[in-house]
Amino acid sequence: MEKIFSKINKKKLLHIISKKLPEDKKRQDLTEIEKPLQVSRVNLKHTVIKPHSNNPKSLESGLVEQNECWIVLSGIINITLFDVDKSNIENRILKKGEILITCGGGHSIDKASEDAEMIEIKLGPFENNNLTYY
């Protein structure tokens, strides 16, 4: 797991990239417990998850920083990661099985291979007017 911090505010975590679950781990929590979007990698090879459901959770009212998660299912995507001031932090390539979690910075997909497919997960409800274009 790689954490990418703001160049403006060195303590502000903006992006997390996970390429693979370490072989010695059954589970790796990618996001901190206080984040509104919880993301973990789980090795199910020798794991049984007992039947369960998750209890309703009370959310604070007010604004919550938008978190977003991309999981690459196939192909390759070229991404650009942005800082809080909308400046380019770096360009990266994500491949099948890799995960990007955005915790406050911006992002874009520059190019993708012909067979690229990903899952996007974010807090809802989603409204088009919630986007800020650079």
C-alpha atoms as a PDB file:
ATOM      1  CA  MET A   1       0.000   0.000   0.000  1.00  0.00           C
ATOM      2  CA  GLU A   2       1.285   3.444  -0.905  1.00  0.00           C
ATOM      3  CA  LYS A   3       0.016   6.644   0.683  1.00  0.00           C
ATOM      4  CA  ILE A   4       0.336   9.906  -1.248  1.00  0.00           C
ATOM      5  CA  PHE A   5       0.260  13.114   0.784  1.00  0.00           C
ATOM      6  CA  SER A   6      -0.359  16.718  -0.231  1.00  0.00           C
ATOM      7  CA  LYS A   7       2.719  18.743  -1.171  1.00  0.00           C
ATOM      8  CA  ILE A   8       0.924  21.813   0.232  1.00  0.00           C
ATOM      9  CA  ASN A   9      -0.086  20.252   3.576  1.00  0.00           C
ATOM     10  CA  LYS A  10       2.414  17.422   4.162  1.00  0.00           C
ATOM     11  CA  LYS A  11       0.186  15.735   6.788  1.00  0.00           C
ATOM     12  CA  LYS A  12      -2.929  15.590   4.569  1.00  0.00           C
ATOM     13  CA  LEU A  13      -3.458  12.159   3.018  1.00  0.00           C
ATOM     14  CA  LEU A  14      -4.933  12.551  -0.479  1.00  0.00           C
ATOM     15  CA  HIS A  15      -4.583   9.217  -2.261  1.00  0.00           C
ATOM     16  CA  ILE A  16      -3.951   5.558  -1.439  1.00  0.00           C
ATOM     17  CA  ILE A  17      -2.803   3.017  -4.030  1.00  0.00           C
ATOM     18  CA  SER A  18      -2.982  -0.691  -3.277  1.00  0.00           C
ATOM     19  CA  LYS A  19      -1.407  -3.088  -5.756  1.00  0.00           C
ATOM     20  CA  LYS A  20      -1.623  -6.387  -3.883  1.00  0.00           C
ATOM     21  CA  LEU A  21      -2.357  -7.811  -0.470  1.00  0.00           C
ATOM     22  CA  PRO A  22       0.920  -8.781   1.253  1.00  0.00           C
ATOM     23  CA  GLU A  23       1.222 -12.594   1.230  1.00  0.00           C
ATOM     24  CA  ASP A  24       1.630 -12.785   5.011  1.00  0.00           C
ATOM     25  CA  LYS A  25      -1.640 -10.933   5.673  1.00  0.00           C
ATOM     26  CA  LYS A  26      -5.218 -12.154   5.679  1.00  0.00           C
ATOM     27  CA  ARG A  27      -6.575  -8.605   5.726  1.00  0.00           C
ATOM     28  CA  GLN A  28      -5.260  -5.120   5.112  1.00  0.00           C
ATOM     29  CA  ASP A  29      -7.384  -2.096   5.970  1.00  0.00           C
ATOM     30  CA  LEU A  30      -6.565   0.536   3.362  1.00  0.00           C
ATOM     31  CA  THR A  31      -8.472   3.431   4.940  1.00  0.00           C
ATOM     32  CA  GLU A  32      -8.416   4.741   8.488  1.00  0.00           C
ATOM     33  CA  ILE A  33     -11.319   3.875  10.767  1.00  0.00           C
ATOM     34  CA  GLU A  34     -12.573   7.485  10.896  1.00  0.00           C
ATOM     35  CA  LYS A  35     -12.922   7.821   7.098  1.00  0.00           C
ATOM     36  CA  PRO A  36     -16.481   7.715   5.739  1.00  0.00           C
ATOM     37  CA  LEU A  37     -15.481   5.121   3.117  1.00  0.00           C
ATOM     38  CA  GLN A  38     -13.981   1.943   4.577  1.00  0.00           C
ATOM     39  CA  VAL A  39     -11.873  -0.105   2.130  1.00  0.00           C
ATOM     40  CA  SER A  40     -10.003  -3.317   2.921  1.00  0.00           C
ATOM     41  CA  ARG A  41      -8.297  -6.092   0.972  1.00  0.00           C
ATOM     42  CA  VAL A  42      -9.189  -9.558   2.248  1.00  0.00           C
ATOM     43  CA  ASN A  43      -7.544 -12.890   1.399  1.00  0.00           C
ATOM     44  CA  LEU A  44     -10.343 -15.453   1.340  1.00  0.00           C
ATOM     45  CA  LYS A  45      -8.110 -18.472   0.689  1.00  0.00           C
ATOM     46  CA  HIS A  46      -8.273 -19.781   4.270  1.00  0.00           C
ATOM     47  CA  THR A  47     -10.971 -17.511   5.656  1.00  0.00           C
ATOM     48  CA  VAL A  48     -14.590 -18.100   6.569  1.00  0.00           C
ATOM     49  CA  ILE A  49     -16.766 -15.060   7.084  1.00  0.00           C
ATOM     50  CA  LYS A  50     -19.627 -16.032   9.350  1.00  0.00           C
ATOM     51  CA  PRO A  51     -23.183 -14.983   8.372  1.00  0.00           C
ATOM     52  CA  HIS A  52     -23.757 -11.432   9.534  1.00  0.00           C
ATOM     53  CA  SER A  53     -25.244  -8.062   8.675  1.00  0.00           C
ATOM     54  CA  ASN A  54     -24.036  -4.581   9.470  1.00  0.00           C
ATOM     55  CA  ASN A  55     -25.991  -2.460  11.908  1.00  0.00           C
ATOM     56  CA  PRO A  56     -27.289   0.968  10.857  1.00  0.00           C
ATOM     57  CA  LYS A  57     -24.841   3.758  11.552  1.00  0.00           C
ATOM     58  CA  SER A  58     -25.601   7.322  12.547  1.00  0.00           C
ATOM     59  CA  LEU A  59     -23.799   9.888  10.383  1.00  0.00           C
ATOM     60  CA  GLU A  60     -22.839  13.384  11.440  1.00  0.00           C
ATOM     61  CA  SER A  61     -24.783  16.128   9.736  1.00  0.00           C
ATOM     62  CA  GLY A  62     -22.830  18.678   7.735  1.00  0.00           C
ATOM     63  CA  LEU A  63     -20.248  18.405   5.013  1.00  0.00           C
ATOM     64  CA  VAL A  64     -18.146  15.282   4.673  1.00  0.00           C
ATOM     65  CA  GLU A  65     -15.028  15.175   2.523  1.00  0.00           C
ATOM     66  CA  GLN A  66     -15.829  13.055  -0.525  1.00  0.00           C
ATOM     67  CA  ASN A  67     -13.958   9.762  -0.710  1.00  0.00           C
ATOM     68  CA  GLU A  68     -13.814   7.683  -3.872  1.00  0.00           C
ATOM     69  CA  CYS A  69     -12.474   4.226  -4.708  1.00  0.00           C
ATOM     70  CA  TRP A  70     -11.542   2.749  -8.100  1.00  0.00           C
ATOM     71  CA  ILE A  71     -10.889  -0.966  -8.556  1.00  0.00           C
ATOM     72  CA  VAL A  72      -9.380  -1.937 -11.910  1.00  0.00           C
ATOM     73  CA  LEU A  73     -11.069  -5.093 -13.229  1.00  0.00           C
ATOM     74  CA  SER A  74      -9.188  -5.360 -16.521  1.00  0.00           C
ATOM     75  CA  GLY A  75      -6.792  -3.474 -18.743  1.00  0.00           C
ATOM     76  CA  ILE A  76      -4.673  -0.477 -17.841  1.00  0.00           C
ATOM     77  CA  ILE A  77      -5.651   3.076 -16.925  1.00  0.00           C
ATOM     78  CA  ASN A  78      -3.359   6.104 -16.796  1.00  0.00           C
ATOM     79  CA  ILE A  79      -4.347   8.446 -13.997  1.00  0.00           C
ATOM     80  CA  THR A  80      -3.306  11.892 -12.847  1.00  0.00           C
ATOM     81  CA  LEU A  81      -3.437  12.721  -9.134  1.00  0.00           C
ATOM     82  CA  PHE A  82      -3.973  16.304  -8.012  1.00  0.00           C
ATOM     83  CA  ASP A  83      -3.218  18.205  -4.808  1.00  0.00           C
ATOM     84  CA  VAL A  84      -5.621  20.379  -2.769  1.00  0.00           C
ATOM     85  CA  ASP A  85      -4.628  23.430  -4.852  1.00  0.00           C
ATOM     86  CA  LYS A  86      -5.461  21.504  -8.074  1.00  0.00           C
ATOM     87  CA  SER A  87      -1.787  21.166  -9.048  1.00  0.00           C
ATOM     88  CA  ASN A  88      -0.529  17.893 -10.503  1.00  0.00           C
ATOM     89  CA  ILE A  89       1.104  15.628  -7.912  1.00  0.00           C
ATOM     90  CA  GLU A  90       1.977  12.804 -10.281  1.00  0.00           C
ATOM     91  CA  ASN A  91       0.869  10.545 -13.114  1.00  0.00           C
ATOM     92  CA  ARG A  92       0.432   6.827 -12.447  1.00  0.00           C
ATOM     93  CA  ILE A  93      -0.591   3.625 -14.180  1.00  0.00           C
ATOM     94  CA  LEU A  94      -3.118   1.274 -12.582  1.00  0.00           C
ATOM     95  CA  LYS A  95      -3.435  -2.347 -13.726  1.00  0.00           C
ATOM     96  CA  LYS A  96      -5.887  -5.183 -13.156  1.00  0.00           C
ATOM     97  CA  GLY A  97      -6.516  -5.783  -9.458  1.00  0.00           C
ATOM     98  CA  GLU A  98      -5.088  -2.459  -8.296  1.00  0.00           C
ATOM     99  CA  ILE A  99      -7.052   0.023  -6.200  1.00  0.00           C
ATOM    100  CA  LEU A 100      -7.021   3.826  -5.944  1.00  0.00           C
ATOM    101  CA  ILE A 101      -8.681   5.557  -3.006  1.00  0.00           C
ATOM    102  CA  THR A 102      -8.998   9.337  -3.143  1.00  0.00           C
ATOM    103  CA  CYS A 103      -9.401  11.058   0.240  1.00  0.00           C
ATOM    104  CA  GLY A 104      -9.503  14.722  -0.721  1.00  0.00           C
ATOM    105  CA  GLY A 105      -7.345  15.371  -3.770  1.00  0.00           C
ATOM    106  CA  GLY A 106      -8.437  15.411  -7.387  1.00  0.00           C
ATOM    107  CA  HIS A 107      -7.954  12.799 -10.065  1.00  0.00           C
ATOM    108  CA  SER A 108      -8.458  12.132 -13.746  1.00  0.00           C
ATOM    109  CA  ILE A 109      -8.169   9.267 -16.190  1.00  0.00           C
ATOM    110  CA  ASP A 110      -5.927  10.327 -19.046  1.00  0.00           C
ATOM    111  CA  LYS A 111      -5.962   7.184 -21.169  1.00  0.00           C
ATOM    112  CA  ALA A 112      -7.127   3.646 -20.883  1.00  0.00           C
ATOM    113  CA  SER A 113      -6.414   0.474 -22.796  1.00  0.00           C
ATOM    114  CA  GLU A 114      -9.159  -0.829 -25.080  1.00  0.00           C
ATOM    115  CA  ASP A 115     -10.072  -3.531 -22.563  1.00  0.00           C
ATOM    116  CA  ALA A 116     -10.035  -1.264 -19.501  1.00  0.00           C
ATOM    117  CA  GLU A 117     -12.870  -1.659 -17.024  1.00  0.00           C
ATOM    118  CA  MET A 118     -13.095  -0.439 -13.446  1.00  0.00           C
ATOM    119  CA  ILE A 119     -15.499  -0.203 -10.545  1.00  0.00           C
ATOM    120  CA  GLU A 120     -16.048   3.255  -9.038  1.00  0.00           C
ATOM    121  CA  ILE A 121     -17.349   3.497  -5.457  1.00  0.00           C
ATOM    122  CA  LYS A 122     -18.157   6.806  -3.770  1.00  0.00           C
ATOM    123  CA  LEU A 123     -20.452   8.356  -1.230  1.00  0.00           C
ATOM    124  CA  GLY A 124     -23.965   9.024  -2.446  1.00  0.00           C
ATOM    125  CA  PRO A 125     -26.268  10.417  -3.400  1.00  0.00           C
ATOM    126  CA  PHE A 126     -24.345  11.575  -6.474  1.00  0.00           C
ATOM    127  CA  GLU A 127     -25.321  14.771  -8.247  1.00  0.00           C
ATOM    128  CA  ASN A 128     -23.525  16.068 -11.351  1.00  0.00           C
ATOM    129  CA  ASN A 129     -23.315  19.555  -9.862  1.00  0.00           C
ATOM    130  CA  ASN A 130     -21.086  18.156  -7.080  1.00  0.00           C
ATOM    131  CA  LEU A 131     -18.115  17.990  -9.479  1.00  0.00           C
ATOM    132  CA  THR A 132     -15.426  20.671  -9.616  1.00  0.00           C
ATOM    133  CA  TYR A 133     -13.563  20.609 -12.929  1.00  0.00           C
ATOM    134  CA  TYR A 134      -9.972  21.863 -13.120  1.00  0.00           C
END
